[in-house]
Every structure is written in C-alpha cells, then in structure tokens.
PDB file of N, CA and C in Angstrom:
ATOM      1  N   MET A   1     -42.510 -10.457  51.079  1.00  0.00           N
ATOM      2  CA  MET A   1     -42.360  -9.218  52.366  1.00  0.00           C
ATOM      3  C   MET A   1     -40.735  -9.316  52.143  1.00  0.00           C
ATOM      4  N   THR A   2     -40.186  -8.109  52.040  1.00  0.00           N
ATOM      5  CA  THR A   2     -38.813  -7.460  52.272  1.00  0.00           C
ATOM      6  C   THR A   2     -38.747  -7.477  53.267  1.00  0.00           C
ATOM      7  N   ILE A   3     -37.574  -7.548  54.111  1.00  0.00           N
ATOM      8  CA  ILE A   3     -37.496  -7.072  55.167  1.00  0.00           C
ATOM      9  C   ILE A   3     -35.788  -6.375  55.526  1.00  0.00           C
ATOM     10  N   THR A   4     -35.865  -4.841  55.867  1.00  0.00           N
ATOM     11  CA  THR A   4     -35.012  -4.043  55.393  1.00  0.00           C
ATOM     12  C   THR A   4     -34.775  -3.679  57.162  1.00  0.00           C
ATOM     13  N   PHE A   5     -33.343  -3.463  57.188  1.00  0.00           N
ATOM     14  CA  PHE A   5     -32.594  -3.828  58.331  1.00  0.00           C
ATOM     15  C   PHE A   5     -32.523  -1.454  58.557  1.00  0.00           C
ATOM     16  N   ALA A   6     -32.277  -1.294  59.594  1.00  0.00           N
ATOM     17  CA  ALA A   6     -31.694   0.565  59.713  1.00  0.00           C
ATOM     18  C   ALA A   6     -30.243  -0.217  60.040  1.00  0.00           C
ATOM     19  N   PRO A   7     -29.407   1.263  59.176  1.00  0.00           N
ATOM     20  CA  PRO A   7     -27.849   1.170  59.524  1.00  0.00           C
ATOM     21  C   PRO A   7     -27.047   0.984  61.243  1.00  0.00           C
ATOM     22  N   PHE A   8     -26.763   0.055  61.469  1.00  0.00           N
ATOM     23  CA  PHE A   8     -26.568   0.261  62.804  1.00  0.00           C
ATOM     24  C   PHE A   8     -24.796   0.752  63.071  1.00  0.00           C
ATOM     25  N   ASP A   9     -24.830   1.832  63.994  1.00  0.00           N
ATOM     26  CA  ASP A   9     -23.721   2.340  64.068  1.00  0.00           C
ATOM     27  C   ASP A   9     -23.458   2.248  65.421  1.00  0.00           C
ATOM     28  N   PRO A  10     -22.386   1.530  65.798  1.00  0.00           N
ATOM     29  CA  PRO A  10     -22.387   1.474  67.613  1.00  0.00           C
ATOM     30  C   PRO A  10     -21.656   2.444  68.117  1.00  0.00           C
ATOM     31  N   ALA A  11     -21.443   3.886  67.368  1.00  0.00           N
ATOM     32  CA  ALA A  11     -20.843   4.730  68.375  1.00  0.00           C
ATOM     33  C   ALA A  11     -21.930   5.286  68.784  1.00  0.00           C
ATOM     34  N   GLU A  12     -23.119   5.080  68.097  1.00  0.00           N
ATOM     35  CA  GLU A  12     -24.155   6.252  68.910  1.00  0.00           C
ATOM     36  C   GLU A  12     -24.353   4.856  70.387  1.00  0.00           C
ATOM     37  N   TYR A  13     -24.065   4.173  70.725  1.00  0.00           N
ATOM     38  CA  TYR A  13     -24.406   3.127  71.782  1.00  0.00           C
ATOM     39  C   TYR A  13     -23.147   3.853  72.744  1.00  0.00           C
ATOM     40  N   LEU A  14     -21.977   4.527  72.742  1.00  0.00           N
ATOM     41  CA  LEU A  14     -21.237   4.877  73.614  1.00  0.00           C
ATOM     42  C   LEU A  14     -21.332   6.053  74.088  1.00  0.00           C
ATOM     43  N   LYS A  15     -21.870   6.323  75.047  1.00  0.00           N
ATOM     44  CA  LYS A  15     -22.283   7.908  75.404  1.00  0.00           C
ATOM     45  C   LYS A  15     -21.513   7.729  77.047  1.00  0.00           C
ATOM     46  N   SER A  16     -20.659   7.018  77.740  1.00  0.00           N
ATOM     47  CA  SER A  16     -19.699   7.592  78.430  1.00  0.00           C
ATOM     48  C   SER A  16     -18.437   6.757  78.649  1.00  0.00           C
ATOM     49  N   ASP A  17     -17.745   7.515  79.263  1.00  0.00           N
ATOM     50  CA  ASP A  17     -16.112   6.810  79.164  1.00  0.00           C
ATOM     51  C   ASP A  17     -16.040   5.585  79.736  1.00  0.00           C
ATOM     52  N   GLU A  18     -16.746   5.002  80.429  1.00  0.00           N
ATOM     53  CA  GLU A  18     -16.218   3.739  81.077  1.00  0.00           C
ATOM     54  C   GLU A  18     -16.767   2.623  79.670  1.00  0.00           C
ATOM     55  N   ALA A  19     -18.193   3.305  78.894  1.00  0.00           N
ATOM     56  CA  ALA A  19     -18.263   2.455  77.676  1.00  0.00           C
ATOM     57  C   ALA A  19     -17.561   2.289  77.183  1.00  0.00           C
ATOM     58  N   ILE A  20     -16.806   2.902  76.550  1.00  0.00           N
ATOM     59  CA  ILE A  20     -15.719   3.177  75.630  1.00  0.00           C
ATOM     60  C   ILE A  20     -14.525   2.357  76.034  1.00  0.00           C
ATOM     61  N   LEU A  21     -14.241   2.444  77.143  1.00  0.00           N
ATOM     62  CA  LEU A  21     -13.126   2.291  78.189  1.00  0.00           C
ATOM     63  C   LEU A  21     -13.531   0.169  77.705  1.00  0.00           C
ATOM     64  N   ALA A  22     -15.072  -0.052  78.174  1.00  0.00           N
ATOM     65  CA  ALA A  22     -15.457  -1.205  78.201  1.00  0.00           C
ATOM     66  C   ALA A  22     -15.445  -1.905  76.652  1.00  0.00           C
ATOM     67  N   PHE A  23     -15.615  -1.290  75.668  1.00  0.00           N
ATOM     68  CA  PHE A  23     -15.623  -1.340  74.162  1.00  0.00           C
ATOM     69  C   PHE A  23     -14.292  -1.626  73.531  1.00  0.00           C
ATOM     70  N   LEU A  24     -13.253  -0.817  73.935  1.00  0.00           N
ATOM     71  CA  LEU A  24     -11.849  -1.074  73.998  1.00  0.00           C
ATOM     72  C   LEU A  24     -11.387  -2.213  74.377  1.00  0.00           C
ATOM     73  N   SER A  25     -11.592  -2.517  75.947  1.00  0.00           N
ATOM     74  CA  SER A  25     -11.204  -3.736  76.557  1.00  0.00           C
ATOM     75  C   SER A  25     -11.735  -4.699  75.614  1.00  0.00           C
ATOM     76  N   GLU A  26     -12.823  -5.178  75.252  1.00  0.00           N
ATOM     77  CA  GLU A  26     -13.228  -6.039  74.767  1.00  0.00           C
ATOM     78  C   GLU A  26     -12.502  -6.189  73.650  1.00  0.00           C
ATOM     79  N   ALA A  27     -12.603  -5.155  72.220  1.00  0.00           N
ATOM     80  CA  ALA A  27     -11.969  -5.420  71.078  1.00  0.00           C
ATOM     81  C   ALA A  27     -10.567  -5.793  71.660  1.00  0.00           C
ATOM     82  N   PHE A  28      -9.402  -4.994  72.227  1.00  0.00           N
ATOM     83  CA  PHE A  28      -8.051  -5.079  72.386  1.00  0.00           C
ATOM     84  C   PHE A  28      -7.914  -7.285  73.166  1.00  0.00           C
ATOM     85  N   SER A  29      -8.886  -7.653  73.737  1.00  0.00           N
ATOM     86  CA  SER A  29      -9.141  -9.225  74.081  1.00  0.00           C
ATOM     87  C   SER A  29      -9.044  -9.849  72.674  1.00  0.00           C
ATOM     88  N   SER A  30      -9.627  -9.364  71.722  1.00  0.00           N
ATOM     89  CA  SER A  30      -9.566 -10.109  70.628  1.00  0.00           C
ATOM     90  C   SER A  30      -8.247 -10.232  70.145  1.00  0.00           C
ATOM     91  N   ARG A  31      -7.391  -9.606  70.478  1.00  0.00           N
ATOM     92  CA  ARG A  31      -5.682 -10.004  69.421  1.00  0.00           C
ATOM     93  C   ARG A  31      -5.829  -9.711  68.208  1.00  0.00           C
ATOM     94  N   ASP A  32      -7.003  -9.388  67.596  1.00  0.00           N
ATOM     95  CA  ASP A  32      -7.153  -8.869  66.360  1.00  0.00           C
ATOM     96  C   ASP A  32      -7.120  -7.880  66.042  1.00  0.00           C
ATOM     97  N   PRO A  33      -5.598  -7.457  64.907  1.00  0.00           N
ATOM     98  CA  PRO A  33      -5.486  -6.444  64.713  1.00  0.00           C
ATOM     99  C   PRO A  33      -6.803  -4.931  63.965  1.00  0.00           C
ATOM    100  N   GLN A  34      -7.099  -5.523  63.178  1.00  0.00           N
ATOM    101  CA  GLN A  34      -7.666  -4.761  62.708  1.00  0.00           C
ATOM    102  C   GLN A  34      -9.341  -4.811  62.828  1.00  0.00           C
ATOM    103  N   HIS A  35      -9.932  -5.548  63.958  1.00  0.00           N
ATOM    104  CA  HIS A  35     -11.198  -5.275  64.996  1.00  0.00           C
ATOM    105  C   HIS A  35     -10.263  -4.157  66.010  1.00  0.00           C
ATOM    106  N   ILE A  36      -9.266  -4.110  66.227  1.00  0.00           N
ATOM    107  CA  ILE A  36      -8.649  -3.204  67.442  1.00  0.00           C
ATOM    108  C   ILE A  36      -8.937  -1.846  66.530  1.00  0.00           C
ATOM    109  N   ALA A  37      -8.167  -1.472  65.665  1.00  0.00           N
ATOM    110  CA  ALA A  37      -8.085  -0.643  64.881  1.00  0.00           C
ATOM    111  C   ALA A  37      -9.439   0.144  64.627  1.00  0.00           C
ATOM    112  N   ASP A  38     -10.652  -0.925  64.216  1.00  0.00           N
ATOM    113  CA  ASP A  38     -11.967  -0.314  63.634  1.00  0.00           C
ATOM    114  C   ASP A  38     -12.758   0.229  65.170  1.00  0.00           C
ATOM    115  N   ALA A  39     -12.170  -0.751  66.028  1.00  0.00           N
ATOM    116  CA  ALA A  39     -12.719  -0.326  67.429  1.00  0.00           C
ATOM    117  C   ALA A  39     -12.357   1.149  68.050  1.00  0.00           C
ATOM    118  N   ILE A  40     -11.663   1.469  67.966  1.00  0.00           N
ATOM    119  CA  ILE A  40     -10.562   2.554  68.079  1.00  0.00           C
ATOM    120  C   ILE A  40     -11.183   3.631  67.707  1.00  0.00           C
ATOM    121  N   GLY A  41     -11.433   3.433  66.096  1.00  0.00           N
ATOM    122  CA  GLY A  41     -12.243   4.409  65.314  1.00  0.00           C
ATOM    123  C   GLY A  41     -13.318   4.823  65.598  1.00  0.00           C
ATOM    124  N   ILE A  42     -13.720   3.942  66.192  1.00  0.00           N
ATOM    125  CA  ILE A  42     -15.354   4.204  66.715  1.00  0.00           C
ATOM    126  C   ILE A  42     -15.923   4.817  67.887  1.00  0.00           C
ATOM    127  N   ALA A  43     -15.064   4.377  68.500  1.00  0.00           N
ATOM    128  CA  ALA A  43     -14.618   5.466  70.031  1.00  0.00           C
ATOM    129  C   ALA A  43     -14.098   6.622  69.836  1.00  0.00           C
ATOM    130  N   ALA A  44     -13.710   6.757  68.746  1.00  0.00           N
ATOM    131  CA  ALA A  44     -13.110   8.094  68.575  1.00  0.00           C
ATOM    132  C   ALA A  44     -14.287   8.799  67.983  1.00  0.00           C
ATOM    133  N   LYS A  45     -15.042   8.254  67.119  1.00  0.00           N
ATOM    134  CA  LYS A  45     -16.300   8.862  66.359  1.00  0.00           C
ATOM    135  C   LYS A  45     -17.423   9.402  67.720  1.00  0.00           C
ATOM    136  N   ALA A  46     -17.026   8.423  68.467  1.00  0.00           N
ATOM    137  CA  ALA A  46     -18.285   8.586  69.746  1.00  0.00           C
ATOM    138  C   ALA A  46     -18.208   9.763  70.086  1.00  0.00           C
ATOM    139  N   LYS A  47     -16.792  10.143  70.426  1.00  0.00           N
ATOM    140  CA  LYS A  47     -16.355  11.024  71.108  1.00  0.00           C
ATOM    141  C   LYS A  47     -16.227  12.813  70.443  1.00  0.00           C
ATOM    142  N   GLY A  48     -16.246  12.466  68.839  1.00  0.00           N
ATOM    143  CA  GLY A  48     -16.184  13.431  67.960  1.00  0.00           C
ATOM    144  C   GLY A  48     -14.715  13.749  67.172  1.00  0.00           C
ATOM    145  N   MET A  49     -15.016  12.690  65.934  1.00  0.00           N
ATOM    146  CA  MET A  49     -13.389  12.819  65.147  1.00  0.00           C
ATOM    147  C   MET A  49     -13.095  13.693  64.624  1.00  0.00           C
ATOM    148  N   SER A  50     -13.754  14.801  64.708  1.00  0.00           N
ATOM    149  CA  SER A  50     -12.848  15.997  64.424  1.00  0.00           C
ATOM    150  C   SER A  50     -12.483  16.509  65.341  1.00  0.00           C
ATOM    151  N   ASP A  51     -13.002  17.068  66.611  1.00  0.00           N
ATOM    152  CA  ASP A  51     -12.090  17.189  68.252  1.00  0.00           C
ATOM    153  C   ASP A  51     -10.838  16.384  68.081  1.00  0.00           C
ATOM    154  N   ILE A  52     -10.932  14.959  68.203  1.00  0.00           N
ATOM    155  CA  ILE A  52      -9.713  14.075  68.016  1.00  0.00           C
ATOM    156  C   ILE A  52      -8.652  14.301  67.223  1.00  0.00           C
ATOM    157  N   ALA A  53      -8.892  14.637  65.691  1.00  0.00           N
ATOM    158  CA  ALA A  53      -8.187  14.944  64.769  1.00  0.00           C
ATOM    159  C   ALA A  53      -7.515  16.277  65.125  1.00  0.00           C
ATOM    160  N   ARG A  54      -8.056  17.322  65.674  1.00  0.00           N
ATOM    161  CA  ARG A  54      -7.765  18.553  66.342  1.00  0.00           C
ATOM    162  C   ARG A  54      -6.908  18.288  67.351  1.00  0.00           C
ATOM    163  N   GLN A  55      -6.955  17.664  68.392  1.00  0.00           N
ATOM    164  CA  GLN A  55      -6.342  17.278  69.471  1.00  0.00           C
ATOM    165  C   GLN A  55      -5.134  16.555  69.037  1.00  0.00           C
ATOM    166  N   THR A  56      -5.567  15.683  68.194  1.00  0.00           N
ATOM    167  CA  THR A  56      -3.820  14.665  67.361  1.00  0.00           C
ATOM    168  C   THR A  56      -3.202  15.592  66.732  1.00  0.00           C
ATOM    169  N   SER A  57      -3.316  16.322  66.185  1.00  0.00           N
ATOM    170  CA  SER A  57      -3.014  16.976  64.770  1.00  0.00           C
ATOM    171  C   SER A  57      -2.962  16.233  63.940  1.00  0.00           C
ATOM    172  N   LEU A  58      -3.402  15.412  63.699  1.00  0.00           N
ATOM    173  CA  LEU A  58      -3.737  14.478  62.311  1.00  0.00           C
ATOM    174  C   LEU A  58      -5.357  14.709  61.797  1.00  0.00           C
ATOM    175  N   SER A  59      -5.344  14.451  60.346  1.00  0.00           N
ATOM    176  CA  SER A  59      -6.248  15.115  59.843  1.00  0.00           C
ATOM    177  C   SER A  59      -7.681  13.931  60.008  1.00  0.00           C
ATOM    178  N   ARG A  60      -8.477  14.345  59.811  1.00  0.00           N
ATOM    179  CA  ARG A  60      -9.760  13.622  60.107  1.00  0.00           C
ATOM    180  C   ARG A  60     -10.152  12.341  59.119  1.00  0.00           C
ATOM    181  N   GLU A  61      -9.490  12.790  57.658  1.00  0.00           N
ATOM    182  CA  GLU A  61      -9.588  11.942  56.755  1.00  0.00           C
ATOM    183  C   GLU A  61      -8.624  10.624  57.026  1.00  0.00           C
ATOM    184  N   SER A  62      -7.317  10.942  57.527  1.00  0.00           N
ATOM    185  CA  SER A  62      -6.075  10.292  57.695  1.00  0.00           C
ATOM    186  C   SER A  62      -6.907   9.112  58.587  1.00  0.00           C
ATOM    187  N   LEU A  63      -7.400   9.634  59.650  1.00  0.00           N
ATOM    188  CA  LEU A  63      -8.041   8.924  60.949  1.00  0.00           C
ATOM    189  C   LEU A  63      -8.860   8.440  60.486  1.00  0.00           C
ATOM    190  N   TYR A  64     -10.499   8.527  59.811  1.00  0.00           N
ATOM    191  CA  TYR A  64     -11.263   7.675  59.219  1.00  0.00           C
ATOM    192  C   TYR A  64     -10.709   6.353  58.760  1.00  0.00           C
ATOM    193  N   ARG A  65      -9.253   6.667  57.646  1.00  0.00           N
ATOM    194  CA  ARG A  65      -8.628   5.695  57.209  1.00  0.00           C
ATOM    195  C   ARG A  65      -8.113   4.545  57.607  1.00  0.00           C
ATOM    196  N   SER A  66      -7.016   5.307  58.970  1.00  0.00           N
ATOM    197  CA  SER A  66      -6.621   4.306  59.246  1.00  0.00           C
ATOM    198  C   SER A  66      -7.340   3.807  60.373  1.00  0.00           C
ATOM    199  N   LEU A  67      -8.122   4.469  61.013  1.00  0.00           N
ATOM    200  CA  LEU A  67      -8.880   3.784  62.217  1.00  0.00           C
ATOM    201  C   LEU A  67      -9.775   3.049  61.767  1.00  0.00           C
ATOM    202  N   SER A  68      -9.666   1.857  61.003  1.00  0.00           N
ATOM    203  CA  SER A  68     -10.819   1.142  60.170  1.00  0.00           C
ATOM    204  C   SER A  68     -10.456  -0.123  59.887  1.00  0.00           C
ATOM    205  N   ASP A  69     -11.513  -0.737  60.095  1.00  0.00           N
ATOM    206  CA  ASP A  69     -11.445  -2.650  59.427  1.00  0.00           C
ATOM    207  C   ASP A  69     -10.406  -2.525  58.530  1.00  0.00           C
ATOM    208  N   LYS A  70     -10.243  -2.063  57.976  1.00  0.00           N
ATOM    209  CA  LYS A  70      -9.166  -2.038  56.933  1.00  0.00           C
ATOM    210  C   LYS A  70      -8.025  -1.617  56.848  1.00  0.00           C
ATOM    211  N   GLY A  71      -7.753  -0.838  57.735  1.00  0.00           N
ATOM    212  CA  GLY A  71      -6.739   0.658  58.354  1.00  0.00           C
ATOM    213  C   GLY A  71      -5.635  -0.360  59.005  1.00  0.00           C
ATOM    214  N   ASN A  72      -4.306   0.170  59.080  1.00  0.00           N
ATOM    215  CA  ASN A  72      -3.381  -0.568  59.623  1.00  0.00           C
ATOM    216  C   ASN A  72      -2.441   1.060  60.156  1.00  0.00           C
ATOM    217  N   PRO A  73      -3.252   1.536  61.590  1.00  0.00           N
ATOM    218  CA  PRO A  73      -2.708   2.520  61.757  1.00  0.00           C
ATOM    219  C   PRO A  73      -1.416   2.680  63.166  1.00  0.00           C
ATOM    220  N   THR A  74      -0.367   3.275  62.630  1.00  0.00           N
ATOM    221  CA  THR A  74       0.868   3.265  63.235  1.00  0.00           C
ATOM    222  C   THR A  74       0.702   3.271  64.875  1.00  0.00           C
ATOM    223  N   LEU A  75       1.930   2.643  65.452  1.00  0.00           N
ATOM    224  CA  LEU A  75       1.252   2.544  67.243  1.00  0.00           C
ATOM    225  C   LEU A  75       1.586   4.283  67.532  1.00  0.00           C
ATOM    226  N   GLN A  76       2.100   5.255  66.944  1.00  0.00           N
ATOM    227  CA  GLN A  76       2.024   6.918  67.081  1.00  0.00           C
ATOM    228  C   GLN A  76       0.810   7.033  66.815  1.00  0.00           C
ATOM    229  N   THR A  77       0.029   7.033  66.436  1.00  0.00           N
ATOM    230  CA  THR A  77      -1.705   7.103  65.560  1.00  0.00           C
ATOM    231  C   THR A  77      -2.219   6.482  66.963  1.00  0.00           C
ATOM    232  N   VAL A  78      -2.353   5.136  67.226  1.00  0.00           N
ATOM    233  CA  VAL A  78      -2.829   4.499  68.071  1.00  0.00           C
ATOM    234  C   VAL A  78      -2.577   5.328  69.675  1.00  0.00           C
ATOM    235  N   ILE A  79      -1.364   5.546  69.940  1.00  0.00           N
ATOM    236  CA  ILE A  79      -1.177   5.857  71.463  1.00  0.00           C
ATOM    237  C   ILE A  79      -1.978   7.750  71.596  1.00  0.00           C
ATOM    238  N   ALA A  80      -1.796   8.459  70.614  1.00  0.00           N
ATOM    239  CA  ALA A  80      -2.097   9.261  69.732  1.00  0.00           C
ATOM    240  C   ALA A  80      -3.756   9.570  70.191  1.00  0.00           C
ATOM    241  N   VAL A  81      -4.357   9.107  69.689  1.00  0.00           N
ATOM    242  CA  VAL A  81      -5.788   8.764  69.884  1.00  0.00           C
ATOM    243  C   VAL A  81      -6.057   8.292  71.702  1.00  0.00           C
ATOM    244  N   LEU A  82      -5.559   7.308  71.666  1.00  0.00           N
ATOM    245  CA  LEU A  82      -6.639   6.619  72.635  1.00  0.00           C
ATOM    246  C   LEU A  82      -5.699   7.747  73.986  1.00  0.00           C
ATOM    247  N   ASN A  83      -5.009   8.528  74.165  1.00  0.00           N
ATOM    248  CA  ASN A  83      -4.844   9.643  75.103  1.00  0.00           C
ATOM    249  C   ASN A  83      -5.652  10.485  74.834  1.00  0.00           C
ATOM    250  N   THR A  84      -5.762  10.601  73.725  1.00  0.00           N
ATOM    251  CA  THR A  84      -6.985  11.692  73.475  1.00  0.00           C
ATOM    252  C   THR A  84      -8.248  11.465  74.407  1.00  0.00           C
ATOM    253  N   LEU A  85      -8.508   9.881  74.496  1.00  0.00           N
ATOM    254  CA  LEU A  85     -10.124   9.332  75.010  1.00  0.00           C
ATOM    255  C   LEU A  85      -9.833   9.304  76.126  1.00  0.00           C
ATOM    256  N   GLY A  86      -8.217   9.714  76.680  1.00  0.00           N
ATOM    257  CA  GLY A  86      -8.004   9.619  78.328  1.00  0.00           C
ATOM    258  C   GLY A  86      -7.670   7.990  78.259  1.00  0.00           C
ATOM    259  N   ILE A  87      -7.554   7.355  77.750  1.00  0.00           N
ATOM    260  CA  ILE A  87      -6.591   5.553  77.991  1.00  0.00           C
ATOM    261  C   ILE A  87      -5.571   5.469  77.546  1.00  0.00           C
ATOM    262  N   ASP A  88      -5.314   4.824  78.825  1.00  0.00           N
ATOM    263  CA  ASP A  88      -3.978   4.635  78.363  1.00  0.00           C
ATOM    264  C   ASP A  88      -3.495   3.647  78.121  1.00  0.00           C
ATOM    265  N   LEU A  89      -2.337   2.577  77.604  1.00  0.00           N
ATOM    266  CA  LEU A  89      -1.934   1.656  76.608  1.00  0.00           C
ATOM    267  C   LEU A  89      -0.819   0.816  77.324  1.00  0.00           C
ATOM    268  N   THR A  90      -1.548  -0.260  77.975  1.00  0.00           N
ATOM    269  CA  THR A  90      -0.556  -0.756  79.314  1.00  0.00           C
ATOM    270  C   THR A  90      -0.598  -2.641  78.459  1.00  0.00           C
ATOM    271  N   VAL A  91       0.594  -3.167  79.238  1.00  0.00           N
ATOM    272  CA  VAL A  91       0.652  -4.651  78.489  1.00  0.00           C
ATOM    273  C   VAL A  91       0.888  -4.926  80.177  1.00  0.00           C
ATOM    274  N   CYS A  92       0.279  -6.416  79.710  1.00  0.00           N
ATOM    275  CA  CYS A  92       0.729  -7.442  81.036  1.00  0.00           C
ATOM    276  C   CYS A  92       0.996  -8.814  80.713  1.00  0.00           C
ATOM    277  N   ALA A  93       1.410  -9.800  81.640  1.00  0.00           N
ATOM    278  CA  ALA A  93       1.573 -10.918  80.798  1.00  0.00           C
ATOM    279  C   ALA A  93       0.822 -11.546  80.740  1.00  0.00           C
ATOM    280  N   GLN A  94       0.894 -13.125  79.489  1.00  0.00           N
ATOM    281  CA  GLN A  94      -0.412 -13.460  79.428  1.00  0.00           C
ATOM    282  C   GLN A  94      -0.924 -14.470  80.318  1.00  0.00           C
ATOM    283  N   PRO A  95      -1.885 -14.890  80.843  1.00  0.00           N
ATOM    284  CA  PRO A  95      -2.347 -15.855  81.914  1.00  0.00           C
ATOM    285  C   PRO A  95      -1.374 -17.069  80.852  1.00  0.00           C
ATOM    286  N   SER A  96      -0.561 -17.965  82.054  1.00  0.00           N
ATOM    287  CA  SER A  96       0.273 -18.827  81.954  1.00  0.00           C
ATOM    288  C   SER A  96      -0.365 -20.040  81.743  1.00  0.00           C
ATOM    289  N   SER A  97      -0.629 -20.792  80.564  1.00  0.00           N
ATOM    290  CA  SER A  97      -1.293 -22.217  80.435  1.00  0.00           C
ATOM    291  C   SER A  97      -1.138 -23.533  81.268  1.00  0.00           C
ATOM    292  N   ALA A  98      -2.086 -24.017  82.079  1.00  0.00           N
ATOM    293  CA  ALA A  98      -1.812 -24.714  82.378  1.00  0.00           C
ATOM    294  C   ALA A  98      -1.130 -26.386  82.075  1.00  0.00           C
ATOM    295  N   SER A  99      -0.335 -26.667  82.429  1.00  0.00           N
ATOM    296  CA  SER A  99       0.093 -27.728  81.845  1.00  0.00           C
ATOM    297  C   SER A  99       0.035 -29.618  82.116  1.00  0.00           C
TER     298      SER A  99
END
C-alpha cells in the first residue's frame, strides 16, 4: 500500500495579520537567513504576491525568486515587503548569557 500526501502550502494557514506576524517572528528567531527569506515569501504569498509586487514596484517573479529558501533578497526588498505587510523591522539587544 502506497501512501500519498497532498502538497502542503503554509500560506493557506496565514489568514490574519496576527498569524503572519507570529509566523515571521518565529522565522526571525531562527536567525537563519534562508529560512527568514522563505518565510517572508510565504507571508507575501498569503497576502497576495501580485498585490505585494505592485505595491513595492518589484516584479512578482523576482519576489518569488528572492523570497524563497534558496533566495538572497536585498535589505531593500525585505524592508519593502515587510512595510507592505504592515510589519516594522526593529532591532534589540541579544539576551546576555549568564556567566
């Protein structure tokens, strides 16, 4: 008996701004640039990649390419997409390790 699986698309589960924010927060906590780029791409897809492309003045194809697990988006692209998603990119100090 062969088991088959349906394709899984996490973008289908990001139905609210709160879900997208939690999803991206988790991705950023990984500190893995490829994972973060892919997560931003998934969030953009959930909101509508064509709309994101139009609002950022970037091509849909280049967004799909750069916002993938193999992509390497510029900081300008990341900020533009996050702004379109209504998300600010901020920095904070890392928790210091106990000595």
